Amino acid sequence: MDTPSSRYHDSTREFPAQLPEVTYPAHFELRFVSRNGGMRINKKAVNVTHAVIGQYVGLEEVGDGIWDVYYGPMRLGQLNERERYFEDALGRRVRAKRGTK
């Protein structure tokens, strides 16, 4: 029986020294995701995700106060501005923490 180490071989693809900058279409609004995984919209905090801390996400308005949230070409979920919650691509809701303005 083979062991995993006997089957392993190095990848032939090179890893880039620097990843390309994430870009968004001109009509997107950009928001910075802070170190707590949240962002601000209309001066109010909304929790989004810890996965993109320190990065900008793009917001595309798809309805009145409803925004699709993207990281590069990947749609992360949808933001309800009025109710202040983010719903990820799996339908799980993340609400703003109590006491946040």
PDB file of N, CA and C in Angstrom:
ATOM      1  N   MET A   1       0.837  -1.182   0.000  1.00  0.00           N
ATOM      2  CA  MET A   1       0.000   0.000   0.000  1.00  0.00           C
ATOM      3  C   MET A   1       0.881   1.245   0.000  1.00  0.00           C
ATOM      4  N   ASP A   2       0.527   2.207  -0.860  1.00  0.00           N
ATOM      5  CA  ASP A   2       1.283   3.457  -0.944  1.00  0.00           C
ATOM      6  C   ASP A   2       0.933   4.378   0.220  1.00  0.00           C
ATOM      7  N   THR A   3       1.906   5.139   0.644  1.00  0.00           N
ATOM      8  CA  THR A   3       1.663   6.161   1.666  1.00  0.00           C
ATOM      9  C   THR A   3       1.464   7.502   0.956  1.00  0.00           C
ATOM     10  N   PRO A   4       0.819   8.448   1.604  1.00  0.00           N
ATOM     11  CA  PRO A   4       0.632   9.754   0.956  1.00  0.00           C
ATOM     12  C   PRO A   4       1.943  10.398   0.528  1.00  0.00           C
ATOM     13  N   SER A   5       2.973  10.281   1.354  1.00  0.00           N
ATOM     14  CA  SER A   5       4.250  10.909   1.005  1.00  0.00           C
ATOM     15  C   SER A   5       4.898  10.258  -0.224  1.00  0.00           C
ATOM     16  N   SER A   6       4.617   8.987  -0.464  1.00  0.00           N
ATOM     17  CA  SER A   6       5.192   8.345  -1.655  1.00  0.00           C
ATOM     18  C   SER A   6       4.448   8.769  -2.923  1.00  0.00           C
ATOM     19  N   ARG A   7       3.231   9.269  -2.789  1.00  0.00           N
ATOM     20  CA  ARG A   7       2.436   9.702  -3.946  1.00  0.00           C
ATOM     21  C   ARG A   7       2.579  11.201  -4.232  1.00  0.00           C
ATOM     22  N   TYR A   8       3.103  11.951  -3.280  1.00  0.00           N
ATOM     23  CA  TYR A   8       3.187  13.403  -3.409  1.00  0.00           C
ATOM     24  C   TYR A   8       4.220  13.811  -4.451  1.00  0.00           C
ATOM     25  N   HIS A   9       3.897  14.860  -5.196  1.00  0.00           N
ATOM     26  CA  HIS A   9       4.877  15.491  -6.072  1.00  0.00           C
ATOM     27  C   HIS A   9       4.615  16.995  -6.090  1.00  0.00           C
ATOM     28  N   ASP A  10       5.664  17.775  -6.294  1.00  0.00           N
ATOM     29  CA  ASP A  10       5.539  19.233  -6.326  1.00  0.00           C
ATOM     30  C   ASP A  10       4.651  19.667  -7.481  1.00  0.00           C
ATOM     31  N   SER A  11       3.942  20.759  -7.272  1.00  0.00           N
ATOM     32  CA  SER A  11       3.113  21.334  -8.323  1.00  0.00           C
ATOM     33  C   SER A  11       4.002  21.974  -9.383  1.00  0.00           C
ATOM     34  N   THR A  12       3.559  21.913 -10.615  1.00  0.00           N
ATOM     35  CA  THR A  12       4.324  22.542 -11.709  1.00  0.00           C
ATOM     36  C   THR A  12       3.937  24.019 -11.868  1.00  0.00           C
ATOM     37  N   ARG A  13       2.824  24.440 -11.233  1.00  0.00           N
ATOM     38  CA  ARG A  13       2.408  25.839 -11.325  1.00  0.00           C
ATOM     39  C   ARG A  13       3.197  26.690 -10.346  1.00  0.00           C
ATOM     40  N   GLU A  14       3.559  27.885 -10.788  1.00  0.00           N
ATOM     41  CA  GLU A  14       4.262  28.806  -9.912  1.00  0.00           C
ATOM     42  C   GLU A  14       3.258  29.686  -9.184  1.00  0.00           C
ATOM     43  N   PHE A  15       3.511  29.929  -7.912  1.00  0.00           N
ATOM     44  CA  PHE A  15       2.674  30.826  -7.128  1.00  0.00           C
ATOM     45  C   PHE A  15       3.175  32.243  -7.378  1.00  0.00           C
ATOM     46  N   PRO A  16       2.268  33.196  -7.693  1.00  0.00           N
ATOM     47  CA  PRO A  16       2.735  34.559  -7.981  1.00  0.00           C
ATOM     48  C   PRO A  16       3.335  35.210  -6.738  1.00  0.00           C
ATOM     49  N   ALA A  17       4.330  36.050  -6.954  1.00  0.00           N
ATOM     50  CA  ALA A  17       4.969  36.751  -5.843  1.00  0.00           C
ATOM     51  C   ALA A  17       3.987  37.701  -5.166  1.00  0.00           C
ATOM     52  N   GLN A  18       3.073  38.272  -5.959  1.00  0.00           N
ATOM     53  CA  GLN A  18       2.066  39.165  -5.409  1.00  0.00           C
ATOM     54  C   GLN A  18       0.740  38.882  -6.110  1.00  0.00           C
ATOM     55  N   LEU A  19      -0.318  38.781  -5.323  1.00  0.00           N
ATOM     56  CA  LEU A  19      -1.633  38.533  -5.904  1.00  0.00           C
ATOM     57  C   LEU A  19      -2.130  39.793  -6.606  1.00  0.00           C
ATOM     58  N   PRO A  20      -2.901  39.639  -7.688  1.00  0.00           N
ATOM     59  CA  PRO A  20      -3.395  40.826  -8.389  1.00  0.00           C
ATOM     60  C   PRO A  20      -4.386  41.594  -7.524  1.00  0.00           C
ATOM     61  N   GLU A  21      -4.468  42.902  -7.754  1.00  0.00           N
ATOM     62  CA  GLU A  21      -5.382  43.746  -7.009  1.00  0.00           C
ATOM     63  C   GLU A  21      -6.826  43.402  -7.389  1.00  0.00           C
ATOM     64  N   VAL A  22      -7.689  43.378  -6.397  1.00  0.00           N
ATOM     65  CA  VAL A  22      -9.105  43.094  -6.634  1.00  0.00           C
ATOM     66  C   VAL A  22      -9.744  44.353  -7.214  1.00  0.00           C
ATOM     67  N   THR A  23     -10.451  44.201  -8.323  1.00  0.00           N
ATOM     68  CA  THR A  23     -11.105  45.347  -8.953  1.00  0.00           C
ATOM     69  C   THR A  23     -12.613  45.113  -9.028  1.00  0.00           C
ATOM     70  N   TYR A  24     -13.334  46.199  -9.133  1.00  0.00           N
ATOM     71  CA  TYR A  24     -14.792  46.160  -9.177  1.00  0.00           C
ATOM     72  C   TYR A  24     -15.297  47.052 -10.300  1.00  0.00           C
ATOM     73  N   PRO A  25     -16.491  46.758 -10.820  1.00  0.00           N
ATOM     74  CA  PRO A  25     -17.084  47.647 -11.825  1.00  0.00           C
ATOM     75  C   PRO A  25     -17.285  49.057 -11.255  1.00  0.00           C
ATOM     76  N   ALA A  26     -17.338  50.053 -12.133  1.00  0.00           N
ATOM     77  CA  ALA A  26     -17.423  51.451 -11.718  1.00  0.00           C
ATOM     78  C   ALA A  26     -18.689  51.759 -10.916  1.00  0.00           C
ATOM     79  N   HIS A  27     -19.775  51.043 -11.138  1.00  0.00           N
ATOM     80  CA  HIS A  27     -21.026  51.349 -10.444  1.00  0.00           C
ATOM     81  C   HIS A  27     -21.111  50.740  -9.039  1.00  0.00           C
ATOM     82  N   PHE A  28     -20.131  49.939  -8.641  1.00  0.00           N
ATOM     83  CA  PHE A  28     -20.114  49.357  -7.296  1.00  0.00           C
ATOM     84  C   PHE A  28     -19.694  50.432  -6.286  1.00  0.00           C
ATOM     85  N   GLU A  29     -20.260  50.329  -5.077  1.00  0.00           N
ATOM     86  CA  GLU A  29     -19.757  51.114  -3.954  1.00  0.00           C
ATOM     87  C   GLU A  29     -18.788  50.222  -3.191  1.00  0.00           C
ATOM     88  N   LEU A  30     -17.682  50.791  -2.741  1.00  0.00           N
ATOM     89  CA  LEU A  30     -16.681  50.008  -2.014  1.00  0.00           C
ATOM     90  C   LEU A  30     -16.773  50.301  -0.525  1.00  0.00           C
ATOM     91  N   ARG A  31     -16.606  49.243   0.267  1.00  0.00           N
ATOM     92  CA  ARG A  31     -16.583  49.369   1.714  1.00  0.00           C
ATOM     93  C   ARG A  31     -15.433  48.542   2.254  1.00  0.00           C
ATOM     94  N   PHE A  32     -14.751  49.098   3.245  1.00  0.00           N
ATOM     95  CA  PHE A  32     -13.630  48.418   3.892  1.00  0.00           C
ATOM     96  C   PHE A  32     -14.163  47.535   5.012  1.00  0.00           C
ATOM     97  N   VAL A  33     -13.701  46.294   5.076  1.00  0.00           N
ATOM     98  CA  VAL A  33     -14.108  45.377   6.143  1.00  0.00           C
ATOM     99  C   VAL A  33     -13.073  45.496   7.261  1.00  0.00           C
ATOM    100  N   SER A  34     -13.525  45.947   8.419  1.00  0.00           N
ATOM    101  CA  SER A  34     -12.626  46.195   9.545  1.00  0.00           C
ATOM    102  C   SER A  34     -12.184  44.899  10.207  1.00  0.00           C
ATOM    103  N   ARG A  35     -11.319  45.026  11.180  1.00  0.00           N
ATOM    104  CA  ARG A  35     -10.734  43.839  11.815  1.00  0.00           C
ATOM    105  C   ARG A  35     -11.730  43.035  12.643  1.00  0.00           C
ATOM    106  N   ASN A  36     -12.929  43.567  12.848  1.00  0.00           N
ATOM    107  CA  ASN A  36     -13.958  42.790  13.540  1.00  0.00           C
ATOM    108  C   ASN A  36     -14.920  42.110  12.564  1.00  0.00           C
ATOM    109  N   GLY A  37     -14.642  42.222  11.263  1.00  0.00           N
ATOM    110  CA  GLY A  37     -15.472  41.568  10.253  1.00  0.00           C
ATOM    111  C   GLY A  37     -16.685  42.374   9.841  1.00  0.00           C
ATOM    112  N   GLY A  38     -16.727  43.637  10.230  1.00  0.00           N
ATOM    113  CA  GLY A  38     -17.863  44.485   9.902  1.00  0.00           C
ATOM    114  C   GLY A  38     -17.490  45.624   8.977  1.00  0.00           C
ATOM    115  N   MET A  39     -18.517  46.292   8.493  1.00  0.00           N
ATOM    116  CA  MET A  39     -18.325  47.476   7.657  1.00  0.00           C
ATOM    117  C   MET A  39     -19.399  48.483   8.015  1.00  0.00           C
ATOM    118  N   ARG A  40     -19.280  49.670   7.500  1.00  0.00           N
ATOM    119  CA  ARG A  40     -20.269  50.713   7.757  1.00  0.00           C
ATOM    120  C   ARG A  40     -21.001  51.044   6.469  1.00  0.00           C
ATOM    121  N   ILE A  41     -22.310  51.238   6.625  1.00  0.00           N
ATOM    122  CA  ILE A  41     -23.131  51.724   5.524  1.00  0.00           C
ATOM    123  C   ILE A  41     -24.084  52.745   6.122  1.00  0.00           C
ATOM    124  N   ASN A  42     -24.077  53.945   5.567  1.00  0.00           N
ATOM    125  CA  ASN A  42     -24.862  55.064   6.109  1.00  0.00           C
ATOM    126  C   ASN A  42     -24.588  55.282   7.595  1.00  0.00           C
ATOM    127  N   LYS A  43     -23.317  55.247   7.951  1.00  0.00           N
ATOM    128  CA  LYS A  43     -22.839  55.499   9.317  1.00  0.00           C
ATOM    129  C   LYS A  43     -23.290  54.457  10.330  1.00  0.00           C
ATOM    130  N   LYS A  44     -23.761  53.307   9.861  1.00  0.00           N
ATOM    131  CA  LYS A  44     -24.184  52.238  10.765  1.00  0.00           C
ATOM    132  C   LYS A  44     -23.356  50.990  10.507  1.00  0.00           C
ATOM    133  N   ALA A  45     -23.006  50.292  11.580  1.00  0.00           N
ATOM    134  CA  ALA A  45     -22.177  49.087  11.473  1.00  0.00           C
ATOM    135  C   ALA A  45     -23.028  47.874  11.097  1.00  0.00           C
ATOM    136  N   VAL A  46     -22.467  47.053  10.224  1.00  0.00           N
ATOM    137  CA  VAL A  46     -23.098  45.794   9.827  1.00  0.00           C
ATOM    138  C   VAL A  46     -22.013  44.725   9.793  1.00  0.00           C
ATOM    139  N   ASN A  47     -22.251  43.607  10.467  1.00  0.00           N
ATOM    140  CA  ASN A  47     -21.297  42.497  10.422  1.00  0.00           C
ATOM    141  C   ASN A  47     -21.417  41.797   9.082  1.00  0.00           C
ATOM    142  N   VAL A  48     -20.271  41.464   8.480  1.00  0.00           N
ATOM    143  CA  VAL A  48     -20.278  40.792   7.184  1.00  0.00           C
ATOM    144  C   VAL A  48     -19.595  39.436   7.319  1.00  0.00           C
ATOM    145  N   THR A  49     -18.277  39.432   7.349  1.00  0.00           N
ATOM    146  CA  THR A  49     -17.526  38.182   7.456  1.00  0.00           C
ATOM    147  C   THR A  49     -16.097  38.469   7.879  1.00  0.00           C
ATOM    148  N   HIS A  50     -15.508  37.522   8.588  1.00  0.00           N
ATOM    149  CA  HIS A  50     -14.103  37.638   8.968  1.00  0.00           C
ATOM    150  C   HIS A  50     -13.179  37.209   7.827  1.00  0.00           C
ATOM    151  N   ALA A  51     -13.728  36.585   6.820  1.00  0.00           N
ATOM    152  CA  ALA A  51     -12.911  36.039   5.730  1.00  0.00           C
ATOM    153  C   ALA A  51     -12.189  37.111   4.919  1.00  0.00           C
ATOM    154  N   VAL A  52     -12.722  38.328   4.901  1.00  0.00           N
ATOM    155  CA  VAL A  52     -12.110  39.382   4.083  1.00  0.00           C
ATOM    156  C   VAL A  52     -11.694  40.590   4.920  1.00  0.00           C
ATOM    157  N   ILE A  53     -11.316  40.348   6.155  1.00  0.00           N
ATOM    158  CA  ILE A  53     -10.849  41.425   7.022  1.00  0.00           C
ATOM    159  C   ILE A  53      -9.681  42.147   6.361  1.00  0.00           C
ATOM    160  N   GLY A  54      -9.734  43.474   6.411  1.00  0.00           N
ATOM    161  CA  GLY A  54      -8.662  44.287   5.844  1.00  0.00           C
ATOM    162  C   GLY A  54      -8.757  44.475   4.341  1.00  0.00           C
ATOM    163  N   GLN A  55      -9.842  44.029   3.743  1.00  0.00           N
ATOM    164  CA  GLN A  55     -10.031  44.139   2.300  1.00  0.00           C
ATOM    165  C   GLN A  55     -11.262  45.000   1.999  1.00  0.00           C
ATOM    166  N   TYR A  56     -11.345  45.450   0.761  1.00  0.00           N
ATOM    167  CA  TYR A  56     -12.532  46.163   0.307  1.00  0.00           C
ATOM    168  C   TYR A  56     -13.481  45.179  -0.355  1.00  0.00           C
ATOM    169  N   VAL A  57     -14.770  45.338  -0.070  1.00  0.00           N
ATOM    170  CA  VAL A  57     -15.801  44.571  -0.758  1.00  0.00           C
ATOM    171  C   VAL A  57     -16.583  45.540  -1.633  1.00  0.00           C
ATOM    172  N   GLY A  58     -17.195  45.000  -2.683  1.00  0.00           N
ATOM    173  CA  GLY A  58     -17.992  45.806  -3.585  1.00  0.00           C
ATOM    174  C   GLY A  58     -19.466  45.587  -3.331  1.00  0.00           C
ATOM    175  N   LEU A  59     -20.236  46.666  -3.318  1.00  0.00           N
ATOM    176  CA  LEU A  59     -21.679  46.594  -3.104  1.00  0.00           C
ATOM    177  C   LEU A  59     -22.389  47.034  -4.378  1.00  0.00           C
ATOM    178  N   GLU A  60     -23.323  46.204  -4.809  1.00  0.00           N
ATOM    179  CA  GLU A  60     -24.136  46.524  -5.976  1.00  0.00           C
ATOM    180  C   GLU A  60     -25.594  46.558  -5.531  1.00  0.00           C
ATOM    181  N   GLU A  61     -26.243  47.718  -5.699  1.00  0.00           N
ATOM    182  CA  GLU A  61     -27.632  47.837  -5.277  1.00  0.00           C
ATOM    183  C   GLU A  61     -28.528  47.078  -6.246  1.00  0.00           C
ATOM    184  N   VAL A  62     -29.313  46.149  -5.708  1.00  0.00           N
ATOM    185  CA  VAL A  62     -30.208  45.327  -6.525  1.00  0.00           C
ATOM    186  C   VAL A  62     -31.674  45.599  -6.208  1.00  0.00           C
ATOM    187  N   GLY A  63     -31.930  46.403  -5.189  1.00  0.00           N
ATOM    188  CA  GLY A  63     -33.287  46.768  -4.789  1.00  0.00           C
ATOM    189  C   GLY A  63     -33.197  47.957  -3.863  1.00  0.00           C
ATOM    190  N   ASP A  64     -34.324  48.422  -3.398  1.00  0.00           N
ATOM    191  CA  ASP A  64     -34.344  49.563  -2.499  1.00  0.00           C
ATOM    192  C   ASP A  64     -33.769  49.156  -1.136  1.00  0.00           C
ATOM    193  N   GLY A  65     -32.526  49.534  -0.888  1.00  0.00           N
ATOM    194  CA  GLY A  65     -31.868  49.186   0.369  1.00  0.00           C
ATOM    195  C   GLY A  65     -31.332  47.765   0.420  1.00  0.00           C
ATOM    196  N   ILE A  66     -31.340  47.066  -0.702  1.00  0.00           N
ATOM    197  CA  ILE A  66     -30.824  45.693  -0.792  1.00  0.00           C
ATOM    198  C   ILE A  66     -29.584  45.714  -1.677  1.00  0.00           C
ATOM    199  N   TRP A  67     -28.493  45.165  -1.162  1.00  0.00           N
ATOM    200  CA  TRP A  67     -27.214  45.203  -1.859  1.00  0.00           C
ATOM    201  C   TRP A  67     -26.628  43.795  -1.966  1.00  0.00           C
ATOM    202  N   ASP A  68     -26.149  43.441  -3.150  1.00  0.00           N
ATOM    203  CA  ASP A  68     -25.328  42.236  -3.289  1.00  0.00           C
ATOM    204  C   ASP A  68     -23.911  42.624  -2.900  1.00  0.00           C
ATOM    205  N   VAL A  69     -23.250  41.780  -2.135  1.00  0.00           N
ATOM    206  CA  VAL A  69     -21.901  42.056  -1.643  1.00  0.00           C
ATOM    207  C   VAL A  69     -20.928  41.093  -2.322  1.00  0.00           C
ATOM    208  N   TYR A  70     -19.876  41.653  -2.911  1.00  0.00           N
ATOM    209  CA  TYR A  70     -18.893  40.877  -3.658  1.00  0.00           C
ATOM    210  C   TYR A  70     -17.499  41.073  -3.103  1.00  0.00           C
ATOM    211  N   TYR A  71     -16.700  40.022  -3.197  1.00  0.00           N
ATOM    212  CA  TYR A  71     -15.259  40.146  -3.036  1.00  0.00           C
ATOM    213  C   TYR A  71     -14.679  39.728  -4.376  1.00  0.00           C
ATOM    214  N   GLY A  72     -14.227  40.714  -5.140  1.00  0.00           N
ATOM    215  CA  GLY A  72     -13.805  40.442  -6.513  1.00  0.00           C
ATOM    216  C   GLY A  72     -14.999  39.921  -7.288  1.00  0.00           C
ATOM    217  N   PRO A  73     -14.841  38.828  -8.031  1.00  0.00           N
ATOM    218  CA  PRO A  73     -15.962  38.290  -8.805  1.00  0.00           C
ATOM    219  C   PRO A  73     -16.902  37.404  -7.989  1.00  0.00           C
ATOM    220  N   MET A  74     -16.547  37.130  -6.731  1.00  0.00           N
ATOM    221  CA  MET A  74     -17.339  36.201  -5.917  1.00  0.00           C
ATOM    222  C   MET A  74     -18.402  36.928  -5.105  1.00  0.00           C
ATOM    223  N   ARG A  75     -19.648  36.519  -5.298  1.00  0.00           N
ATOM    224  CA  ARG A  75     -20.749  37.081  -4.512  1.00  0.00           C
ATOM    225  C   ARG A  75     -20.748  36.426  -3.138  1.00  0.00           C
ATOM    226  N   LEU A  76     -20.588  37.249  -2.102  1.00  0.00           N
ATOM    227  CA  LEU A  76     -20.550  36.743  -0.734  1.00  0.00           C
ATOM    228  C   LEU A  76     -21.943  36.585  -0.142  1.00  0.00           C
ATOM    229  N   GLY A  77     -22.861  37.429  -0.568  1.00  0.00           N
ATOM    230  CA  GLY A  77     -24.207  37.380  -0.028  1.00  0.00           C
ATOM    231  C   GLY A  77     -24.934  38.675  -0.296  1.00  0.00           C
ATOM    232  N   GLN A  78     -25.952  38.933   0.527  1.00  0.00           N
ATOM    233  CA  GLN A  78     -26.793  40.105   0.330  1.00  0.00           C
ATOM    234  C   GLN A  78     -26.947  40.874   1.636  1.00  0.00           C
ATOM    235  N   LEU A  79     -26.918  42.181   1.527  1.00  0.00           N
ATOM    236  CA  LEU A  79     -27.024  43.080   2.667  1.00  0.00           C
ATOM    237  C   LEU A  79     -28.368  43.785   2.621  1.00  0.00           C
ATOM    238  N   ASN A  80     -29.100  43.740   3.753  1.00  0.00           N
ATOM    239  CA  ASN A  80     -30.335  44.493   3.893  1.00  0.00           C
ATOM    240  C   ASN A  80     -29.994  45.713   4.729  1.00  0.00           C
ATOM    241  N   GLU A  81     -29.951  46.859   4.067  1.00  0.00           N
ATOM    242  CA  GLU A  81     -29.517  48.094   4.717  1.00  0.00           C
ATOM    243  C   GLU A  81     -30.468  48.539   5.820  1.00  0.00           C
ATOM    244  N   ARG A  82     -31.760  48.423   5.615  1.00  0.00           N
ATOM    245  CA  ARG A  82     -32.739  48.906   6.601  1.00  0.00           C
ATOM    246  C   ARG A  82     -32.773  48.040   7.853  1.00  0.00           C
ATOM    247  N   GLU A  83     -32.765  46.733   7.670  1.00  0.00           N
ATOM    248  CA  GLU A  83     -32.822  45.813   8.807  1.00  0.00           C
ATOM    249  C   GLU A  83     -31.446  45.546   9.397  1.00  0.00           C
ATOM    250  N   ARG A  84     -30.413  46.014   8.720  1.00  0.00           N
ATOM    251  CA  ARG A  84     -29.011  45.884   9.142  1.00  0.00           C
ATOM    252  C   ARG A  84     -28.593  44.443   9.375  1.00  0.00           C
ATOM    253  N   TYR A  85     -28.818  43.612   8.364  1.00  0.00           N
ATOM    254  CA  TYR A  85     -28.286  42.257   8.432  1.00  0.00           C
ATOM    255  C   TYR A  85     -27.687  41.870   7.088  1.00  0.00           C
ATOM    256  N   PHE A  86     -26.753  40.945   7.161  1.00  0.00           N
ATOM    257  CA  PHE A  86     -26.101  40.382   5.985  1.00  0.00           C
ATOM    258  C   PHE A  86     -26.512  38.922   5.918  1.00  0.00           C
ATOM    259  N   GLU A  87     -26.930  38.479   4.750  1.00  0.00           N
ATOM    260  CA  GLU A  87     -27.291  37.078   4.540  1.00  0.00           C
ATOM    261  C   GLU A  87     -26.277  36.482   3.578  1.00  0.00           C
ATOM    262  N   ASP A  88     -25.535  35.478   4.033  1.00  0.00           N
ATOM    263  CA  ASP A  88     -24.498  34.900   3.183  1.00  0.00           C
ATOM    264  C   ASP A  88     -25.107  34.059   2.070  1.00  0.00           C
ATOM    265  N   ALA A  89     -24.270  33.541   1.208  1.00  0.00           N
ATOM    266  CA  ALA A  89     -24.722  32.783   0.040  1.00  0.00           C
ATOM    267  C   ALA A  89     -25.474  31.510   0.426  1.00  0.00           C
ATOM    268  N   LEU A  90     -25.320  31.042   1.661  1.00  0.00           N
ATOM    269  CA  LEU A  90     -26.026  29.852   2.131  1.00  0.00           C
ATOM    270  C   LEU A  90     -27.331  30.192   2.851  1.00  0.00           C
ATOM    271  N   GLY A  91     -27.662  31.488   2.907  1.00  0.00           N
ATOM    272  CA  GLY A  91     -28.910  31.909   3.537  1.00  0.00           C
ATOM    273  C   GLY A  91     -28.817  32.149   5.028  1.00  0.00           C
ATOM    274  N   ARG A  92     -27.602  32.151   5.584  1.00  0.00           N
ATOM    275  CA  ARG A  92     -27.436  32.398   7.022  1.00  0.00           C
ATOM    276  C   ARG A  92     -27.358  33.903   7.269  1.00  0.00           C
ATOM    277  N   ARG A  93     -28.114  34.387   8.228  1.00  0.00           N
ATOM    278  CA  ARG A  93     -28.140  35.813   8.526  1.00  0.00           C
ATOM    279  C   ARG A  93     -27.178  36.184   9.636  1.00  0.00           C
ATOM    280  N   VAL A  94     -26.526  37.326   9.454  1.00  0.00           N
ATOM    281  CA  VAL A  94     -25.637  37.895  10.458  1.00  0.00           C
ATOM    282  C   VAL A  94     -26.177  39.276  10.763  1.00  0.00           C
ATOM    283  N   ARG A  95     -26.588  39.497  11.991  1.00  0.00           N
ATOM    284  CA  ARG A  95     -27.155  40.792  12.379  1.00  0.00           C
ATOM    285  C   ARG A  95     -26.099  41.666  13.029  1.00  0.00           C
ATOM    286  N   ALA A  96     -26.360  42.968  13.025  1.00  0.00           N
ATOM    287  CA  ALA A  96     -25.494  43.913  13.733  1.00  0.00           C
ATOM    288  C   ALA A  96     -25.577  43.614  15.222  1.00  0.00           C
ATOM    289  N   LYS A  97     -24.474  43.798  15.910  1.00  0.00           N
ATOM    290  CA  LYS A  97     -24.455  43.578  17.345  1.00  0.00           C
ATOM    291  C   LYS A  97     -25.267  44.658  18.053  1.00  0.00           C
ATOM    292  N   ARG A  98     -25.888  44.277  19.150  1.00  0.00           N
ATOM    293  CA  ARG A  98     -26.649  45.259  19.930  1.00  0.00           C
ATOM    294  C   ARG A  98     -25.722  46.350  20.432  1.00  0.00           C
ATOM    295  N   GLY A  99     -26.267  47.546  20.429  1.00  0.00           N
ATOM    296  CA  GLY A  99     -25.498  48.676  20.955  1.00  0.00           C
ATOM    297  C   GLY A  99     -24.631  49.341  19.899  1.00  0.00           C
ATOM    298  N   THR A 100     -24.544  48.783  18.688  1.00  0.00           N
ATOM    299  CA  THR A 100     -23.763  49.443  17.646  1.00  0.00           C
ATOM    300  C   THR A 100     -24.643  50.431  16.929  1.00  0.00           C
ATOM    301  N   LYS A 101     -24.077  51.539  16.573  1.00  0.00           N
ATOM    302  CA  LYS A 101     -24.853  52.587  15.915  1.00  0.00           C
ATOM    303  C   LYS A 101     -24.622  52.568  14.427  1.00  0.00           C
TER     304      LYS A 101
END
